[in-house]
C-alpha atoms as a PDB file:
ATOM      1  CA  MET A   1       0.000   0.000   0.000  1.00  0.00           C
ATOM      2  CA  ARG A   2       2.793   2.425   0.880  1.00  0.00           C
ATOM      3  CA  THR A   3       4.556   1.738  -2.417  1.00  0.00           C
ATOM      4  CA  PHE A   4       1.321   2.426  -4.274  1.00  0.00           C
ATOM      5  CA  LEU A   5       0.854   5.764  -2.464  1.00  0.00           C
ATOM      6  CA  LEU A   6       4.455   6.790  -3.199  1.00  0.00           C
ATOM      7  CA  TRP A   7       3.907   5.915  -6.837  1.00  0.00           C
ATOM      8  CA  ILE A   8       0.728   8.028  -6.962  1.00  0.00           C
ATOM      9  CA  VAL A   9       2.521  10.988  -5.340  1.00  0.00           C
ATOM     10  CA  ALA A  10       5.383  10.684  -7.844  1.00  0.00           C
ATOM     11  CA  VAL A  11       3.004  10.641 -10.808  1.00  0.00           C
ATOM     12  CA  LEU A  12       0.990  13.606  -9.546  1.00  0.00           C
ATOM     13  CA  THR A  13       4.174  15.560  -8.847  1.00  0.00           C
ATOM     14  CA  ALA A  14       5.482  14.869 -12.341  1.00  0.00           C
ATOM     15  CA  LEU A  15       2.176  15.964 -13.868  1.00  0.00           C
ATOM     16  CA  GLY A  16       2.207  19.132 -11.798  1.00  0.00           C
ATOM     17  CA  PHE A  17       5.706  20.048 -12.925  1.00  0.00           C
ATOM     18  CA  SER A  18       4.987  19.352 -16.581  1.00  0.00           C
ATOM     19  CA  THR A  19       1.725  21.355 -16.458  1.00  0.00           C
ATOM     20  CA  ASN A  20       3.509  24.253 -14.752  1.00  0.00           C
ATOM     21  CA  ALA A  21       6.292  24.176 -17.340  1.00  0.00           C
ATOM     22  CA  LEU A  22       3.756  24.271 -20.181  1.00  0.00           C
ATOM     23  CA  ALA A  23       1.956  27.201 -18.561  1.00  0.00           C
ATOM     24  CA  LYS A  24       5.155  29.183 -18.910  1.00  0.00           C
ATOM     25  CA  SER A  25       5.304  28.897 -22.705  1.00  0.00           C
ATOM     26  CA  ASN A  26       3.941  31.285 -25.328  1.00  0.00           C
ATOM     27  CA  ASP A  27       3.707  28.327 -27.708  1.00  0.00           C
ATOM     28  CA  GLN A  28       1.245  26.528 -25.445  1.00  0.00           C
ATOM     29  CA  PHE A  29      -1.261  29.322 -25.967  1.00  0.00           C
ATOM     30  CA  GLY A  30      -0.459  30.067 -29.602  1.00  0.00           C
ATOM     31  CA  PHE A  31       1.097  33.405 -28.638  1.00  0.00           C
ATOM     32  CA  MET A  32       4.124  34.815 -30.414  1.00  0.00           C
ATOM     33  CA  ASN A  33       7.382  35.458 -28.598  1.00  0.00           C
ATOM     34  CA  TRP A  34       8.272  39.130 -28.382  1.00  0.00           C
ATOM     35  CA  ASN A  35       9.793  40.519 -31.562  1.00  0.00           C
ATOM     36  CA  THR A  36       9.962  44.306 -31.739  1.00  0.00           C
ATOM     37  CA  ALA A  37      10.022  44.488 -35.548  1.00  0.00           C
ATOM     38  CA  GLU A  38       7.021  42.149 -35.948  1.00  0.00           C
ATOM     39  CA  PHE A  39       5.082  44.008 -33.236  1.00  0.00           C
ATOM     40  CA  GLU A  40       5.755  47.417 -34.798  1.00  0.00           C
ATOM     41  CA  GLU A  41       4.809  46.121 -38.258  1.00  0.00           C
ATOM     42  CA  ALA A  42       1.528  44.647 -36.985  1.00  0.00           C
ATOM     43  CA  VAL A  43       0.592  47.881 -35.201  1.00  0.00           C
ATOM     44  CA  ALA A  44       1.590  49.999 -38.229  1.00  0.00           C
ATOM     45  CA  ASN A  45      -0.604  47.767 -40.427  1.00  0.00           C
ATOM     46  CA  GLY A  46      -3.570  48.497 -38.141  1.00  0.00           C
ATOM     47  CA  ASP A  47      -3.864  44.870 -37.021  1.00  0.00           C
ATOM     48  CA  ARG A  48      -5.569  43.903 -33.795  1.00  0.00           C
ATOM     49  CA  VAL A  49      -2.629  43.219 -31.479  1.00  0.00           C
ATOM     50  CA  ILE A  50      -2.454  42.185 -27.855  1.00  0.00           C
ATOM     51  CA  VAL A  51       0.703  42.246 -25.793  1.00  0.00           C
ATOM     52  CA  SER A  52       0.550  39.831 -22.887  1.00  0.00           C
ATOM     53  CA  VAL A  53       2.950  40.915 -20.145  1.00  0.00           C
ATOM     54  CA  TRP A  54       3.511  38.033 -17.762  1.00  0.00           C
ATOM     55  CA  ALA A  55       5.961  36.446 -15.356  1.00  0.00           C
ATOM     56  CA  THR A  56       6.773  32.754 -15.119  1.00  0.00           C
ATOM     57  CA  TRP A  57       6.245  32.769 -11.353  1.00  0.00           C
ATOM     58  CA  CYS A  58       2.919  34.631 -11.432  1.00  0.00           C
ATOM     59  CA  PRO A  59      -0.226  32.467 -11.055  1.00  0.00           C
ATOM     60  CA  SER A  60      -2.492  35.394 -12.029  1.00  0.00           C
ATOM     61  CA  CYS A  61      -0.532  35.779 -15.247  1.00  0.00           C
ATOM     62  CA  ARG A  62      -0.984  32.124 -16.121  1.00  0.00           C
ATOM     63  CA  ALA A  63      -4.715  32.361 -15.381  1.00  0.00           C
ATOM     64  CA  GLN A  64      -5.065  35.486 -17.530  1.00  0.00           C
ATOM     65  CA  ARG A  65      -3.203  33.859 -20.410  1.00  0.00           C
ATOM     66  CA  LYS A  66      -5.401  30.733 -20.221  1.00  0.00           C
ATOM     67  CA  THR A  67      -8.530  32.911 -20.302  1.00  0.00           C
ATOM     68  CA  LEU A  68      -7.244  34.937 -23.261  1.00  0.00           C
ATOM     69  CA  SER A  69      -6.265  31.816 -25.175  1.00  0.00           C
ATOM     70  CA  ALA A  70      -9.676  30.208 -24.606  1.00  0.00           C
ATOM     71  CA  LEU A  71     -11.427  33.413 -25.703  1.00  0.00           C
ATOM     72  CA  LEU A  72      -9.399  33.649 -28.885  1.00  0.00           C
ATOM     73  CA  ASP A  73      -9.927  29.964 -29.676  1.00  0.00           C
ATOM     74  CA  GLY A  74     -13.674  30.224 -29.152  1.00  0.00           C
ATOM     75  CA  GLY A  75     -14.448  33.418 -31.028  1.00  0.00           C
ATOM     76  CA  ASP A  76     -14.009  35.249 -34.304  1.00  0.00           C
ATOM     77  CA  TYR A  77     -10.537  36.492 -33.460  1.00  0.00           C
ATOM     78  CA  GLY A  78      -8.390  34.710 -36.039  1.00  0.00           C
ATOM     79  CA  ASP A  79      -6.743  37.948 -37.084  1.00  0.00           C
ATOM     80  CA  VAL A  80      -5.579  38.924 -33.569  1.00  0.00           C
ATOM     81  CA  LYS A  81      -1.841  38.737 -32.994  1.00  0.00           C
ATOM     82  CA  VAL A  82      -0.733  38.108 -29.427  1.00  0.00           C
ATOM     83  CA  PHE A  83       2.835  38.816 -28.387  1.00  0.00           C
ATOM     84  CA  GLY A  84       3.992  37.425 -25.046  1.00  0.00           C
ATOM     85  CA  VAL A  85       6.531  39.499 -23.119  1.00  0.00           C
ATOM     86  CA  GLU A  86       8.076  37.975 -20.031  1.00  0.00           C
ATOM     87  CA  PHE A  87       8.233  40.640 -17.328  1.00  0.00           C
ATOM     88  CA  ASP A  88      11.615  39.454 -16.021  1.00  0.00           C
ATOM     89  CA  ASP A  89      13.306  39.057 -19.416  1.00  0.00           C
ATOM     90  CA  PRO A  90      16.316  41.412 -19.487  1.00  0.00           C
ATOM     91  CA  ASN A  91      15.814  41.818 -23.267  1.00  0.00           C
ATOM     92  CA  ALA A  92      12.165  42.861 -22.966  1.00  0.00           C
ATOM     93  CA  PRO A  93      11.292  46.424 -23.922  1.00  0.00           C
ATOM     94  CA  GLN A  94      10.892  48.915 -21.087  1.00  0.00           C
ATOM     95  CA  MET A  95       7.776  50.474 -22.600  1.00  0.00           C
ATOM     96  CA  ILE A  96       5.024  49.094 -24.787  1.00  0.00           C
ATOM     97  CA  GLY A  97       2.708  51.809 -25.965  1.00  0.00           C
ATOM     98  CA  SER A  98       2.077  53.976 -22.921  1.00  0.00           C
ATOM     99  CA  HIS A  99       2.683  51.133 -20.480  1.00  0.00           C
ATOM    100  CA  SER A 100       5.927  50.611 -18.556  1.00  0.00           C
ATOM    101  CA  ILE A 101       7.031  47.027 -18.031  1.00  0.00           C
ATOM    102  CA  LEU A 102      10.342  47.907 -16.439  1.00  0.00           C
ATOM    103  CA  PRO A 103      10.897  45.799 -13.293  1.00  0.00           C
ATOM    104  CA  GLY A 104      11.404  48.162 -10.392  1.00  0.00           C
ATOM    105  CA  ASP A 105       9.053  50.797 -11.822  1.00  0.00           C
ATOM    106  CA  PRO A 106       6.266  51.223  -9.234  1.00  0.00           C
ATOM    107  CA  TYR A 107       3.736  51.705 -12.058  1.00  0.00           C
ATOM    108  CA  ALA A 108       4.800  48.598 -13.978  1.00  0.00           C
ATOM    109  CA  THR A 109       2.678  45.522 -13.506  1.00  0.00           C
ATOM    110  CA  LYS A 110       2.640  41.950 -14.635  1.00  0.00           C
ATOM    111  CA  THR A 111      -0.633  40.309 -15.563  1.00  0.00           C
ATOM    112  CA  THR A 112      -1.264  43.000 -18.122  1.00  0.00           C
ATOM    113  CA  LEU A 113      -2.782  42.948 -21.583  1.00  0.00           C
ATOM    114  CA  ILE A 114      -2.104  45.924 -23.833  1.00  0.00           C
ATOM    115  CA  PHE A 115      -4.545  46.175 -26.755  1.00  0.00           C
ATOM    116  CA  PHE A 116      -3.836  47.857 -30.095  1.00  0.00           C
ATOM    117  CA  ASN A 117      -6.270  48.342 -32.962  1.00  0.00           C
ATOM    118  CA  GLY A 118      -6.108  50.522 -36.060  1.00  0.00           C
ATOM    119  CA  GLY A 119      -2.518  51.495 -35.286  1.00  0.00           C
ATOM    120  CA  GLU A 120      -3.343  52.880 -31.831  1.00  0.00           C
ATOM    121  CA  GLN A 121      -3.259  51.639 -28.274  1.00  0.00           C
ATOM    122  CA  VAL A 122      -6.900  51.261 -27.253  1.00  0.00           C
ATOM    123  CA  ASP A 123      -6.736  49.807 -23.742  1.00  0.00           C
ATOM    124  CA  VAL A 124      -4.700  48.263 -20.954  1.00  0.00           C
ATOM    125  CA  TYR A 125      -6.389  45.505 -18.991  1.00  0.00           C
ATOM    126  CA  GLN A 126      -5.174  43.712 -15.894  1.00  0.00           C
ATOM    127  CA  GLY A 127      -8.045  41.351 -15.132  1.00  0.00           C
ATOM    128  CA  GLN A 128      -9.080  37.852 -16.124  1.00  0.00           C
ATOM    129  CA  SER A 129     -12.631  38.304 -17.439  1.00  0.00           C
ATOM    130  CA  ASP A 130     -13.178  36.859 -20.905  1.00  0.00           C
ATOM    131  CA  MET A 131     -16.169  39.193 -21.311  1.00  0.00           C
ATOM    132  CA  MET A 132     -14.026  42.279 -20.670  1.00  0.00           C
ATOM    133  CA  MET A 133     -11.322  41.042 -23.040  1.00  0.00           C
ATOM    134  CA  ALA A 134     -13.928  40.397 -25.746  1.00  0.00           C
ATOM    135  CA  ALA A 135     -15.406  43.869 -25.252  1.00  0.00           C
ATOM    136  CA  ILE A 136     -11.991  45.459 -25.685  1.00  0.00           C
ATOM    137  CA  LEU A 137     -11.223  43.346 -28.776  1.00  0.00           C
ATOM    138  CA  ASN A 138     -14.458  44.457 -30.406  1.00  0.00           C
ATOM    139  CA  VAL A 139     -13.980  48.181 -29.815  1.00  0.00           C
ATOM    140  CA  ASP A 140     -14.471  50.168 -32.999  1.00  0.00           C
ATOM    141  CA  ILE A 141     -12.047  53.037 -33.241  1.00  0.00           C
END
């Protein structure tokens, strides 16, 4: 019985680690890794663009990214480009639109979505509501 319980704990632990590792990947959600040139081109073209600012250690960030991914998969959002920017990446930009993502800046936050549409920044959202995200995505400018 004890061997069986140890085996169960080992399996659950392994699953937890693999799930956590996947939650830290842009690829898992179909998001693009940050690329300044591609981001600037998409915004200049007037595309609908979302920048997902997140941290690997942040459970709220992972929850927000899961919600965004599910929303995009379930709706008419095939043209939306999502760039993932890791908050702690030393190569990440310090500013995206009007939003600072510089660690140490008291106004910078993780768990942030920055929305662009028609070549302009239209909103910054820090929650996890799929309804709010959808409302922002559908804003006519």
